[in-house]
């Protein structure tokens, strides 16, 4: 594994805790922080990521006439007219 050398700023108390745990485990501070980051970023262990709600689907005839899905500006203009979608059909 290739290691990236970087500088981070962390709270003094947190650094003392990490340094103590590294000493107790006979490991480096970088190893302790790396392991903590891996656990925090692992979706299986993360509790702060809520599952996405399913998106609603509607029956219909598809894209409205004259709508170009590749033209963001035109789509924005169409949505900003304030007219109900059914009125545009």
Protein backbone atom coordinates (compact mmCIF):
# COMPACT_ATOMS: atom_id res chain seq x y z
CA UNK A 1 0.00 0.00 0.00
CA UNK A 2 1.29 3.46 -0.90
CA UNK A 3 1.03 5.98 1.92
CA UNK A 4 0.14 9.65 1.44
CA UNK A 5 1.84 12.10 3.77
CA UNK A 6 -0.49 14.93 4.76
CA UNK A 7 -1.08 17.44 7.53
CA UNK A 8 -4.34 17.66 9.45
CA UNK A 9 -5.47 19.87 12.31
CA UNK A 10 -7.26 18.12 15.16
CA UNK A 11 -8.30 19.06 18.67
CA UNK A 12 -5.50 18.81 21.26
CA UNK A 13 -7.50 16.47 23.51
CA UNK A 14 -8.31 14.18 20.59
CA UNK A 15 -4.62 14.06 19.66
CA UNK A 16 -3.69 13.07 23.22
CA UNK A 17 -6.25 10.25 23.15
CA UNK A 18 -5.00 8.99 19.78
CA UNK A 19 -1.37 9.20 20.92
CA UNK A 20 -2.20 7.26 24.10
CA UNK A 21 -4.07 4.53 22.21
CA UNK A 22 -1.26 4.23 19.70
CA UNK A 23 1.27 3.80 22.51
CA UNK A 24 -0.89 1.22 24.27
CA UNK A 25 -1.36 -0.77 21.06
CA UNK A 26 2.28 -0.44 19.95
CA UNK A 27 1.14 1.25 16.73
CA UNK A 28 1.71 4.60 15.08
CA UNK A 29 -0.64 7.56 15.36
CA UNK A 30 -1.13 7.39 11.57
CA UNK A 31 -2.27 3.75 11.81
CA UNK A 32 -4.79 4.57 14.54
CA UNK A 33 -6.18 7.56 12.59
CA UNK A 34 -6.22 5.56 9.34
CA UNK A 35 -8.18 2.73 10.96
CA UNK A 36 -10.63 5.21 12.51
CA UNK A 37 -11.19 6.87 9.13
CA UNK A 38 -11.74 3.53 7.42
CA UNK A 39 -14.36 2.58 10.02
CA UNK A 40 -16.05 5.98 9.75
CA UNK A 41 -16.17 5.80 5.96
CA UNK A 42 -17.33 2.19 5.80
CA UNK A 43 -21.06 2.34 5.03
CA UNK A 44 -21.73 -0.84 6.97
CA UNK A 45 -20.57 0.82 10.19
CA UNK A 46 -21.84 4.33 9.56
CA UNK A 47 -24.94 5.27 11.54
CA UNK A 48 -25.28 8.84 10.31
CA UNK A 49 -26.15 7.88 6.73
CA UNK A 50 -29.87 7.36 6.37
CA UNK A 51 -31.15 5.13 3.57
CA UNK A 52 -32.67 7.04 0.70
CA UNK A 53 -36.43 7.03 0.47
CA UNK A 54 -37.77 5.51 -2.75
CA UNK A 55 -38.63 8.09 -5.38
CA UNK A 56 -42.27 8.32 -6.39
CA UNK A 57 -43.21 7.19 -9.86
CA UNK A 58 -46.17 8.40 -11.84
CA UNK A 59 -47.95 7.07 -14.86
CA UNK A 60 -47.99 9.34 -17.83
CA UNK A 61 -47.12 9.84 -21.42
CA UNK A 62 -43.44 10.63 -20.89
CA UNK A 63 -41.68 13.86 -21.72
CA UNK A 64 -43.83 16.87 -22.50
CA UNK A 65 -43.76 18.06 -26.13
CA UNK A 66 -40.94 20.53 -26.75
CA UNK A 67 -38.94 19.54 -23.66
CA UNK A 68 -35.25 19.01 -24.35
CA UNK A 69 -33.68 17.08 -21.45
CA UNK A 70 -30.17 18.06 -22.50
CA UNK A 71 -30.80 21.80 -22.35
CA UNK A 72 -30.58 22.73 -18.66
CA UNK A 73 -31.41 26.40 -19.23
CA UNK A 74 -34.55 25.57 -21.21
CA UNK A 75 -35.68 23.06 -18.55
CA UNK A 76 -35.14 25.63 -15.80
CA UNK A 77 -37.09 28.25 -17.75
CA UNK A 78 -39.94 25.80 -18.30
CA UNK A 79 -40.06 24.84 -14.61
CA UNK A 80 -39.94 28.49 -13.52
CA UNK A 81 -43.08 29.47 -15.42
CA UNK A 82 -45.20 28.65 -12.38
CA UNK A 83 -47.77 26.76 -14.45
CA UNK A 84 -48.91 23.36 -13.21
CA UNK A 85 -47.31 20.55 -15.18
CA UNK A 86 -50.71 19.30 -16.39
CA UNK A 87 -51.39 22.72 -17.93
CA UNK A 88 -48.30 22.34 -20.09
CA UNK A 89 -49.49 19.09 -21.71
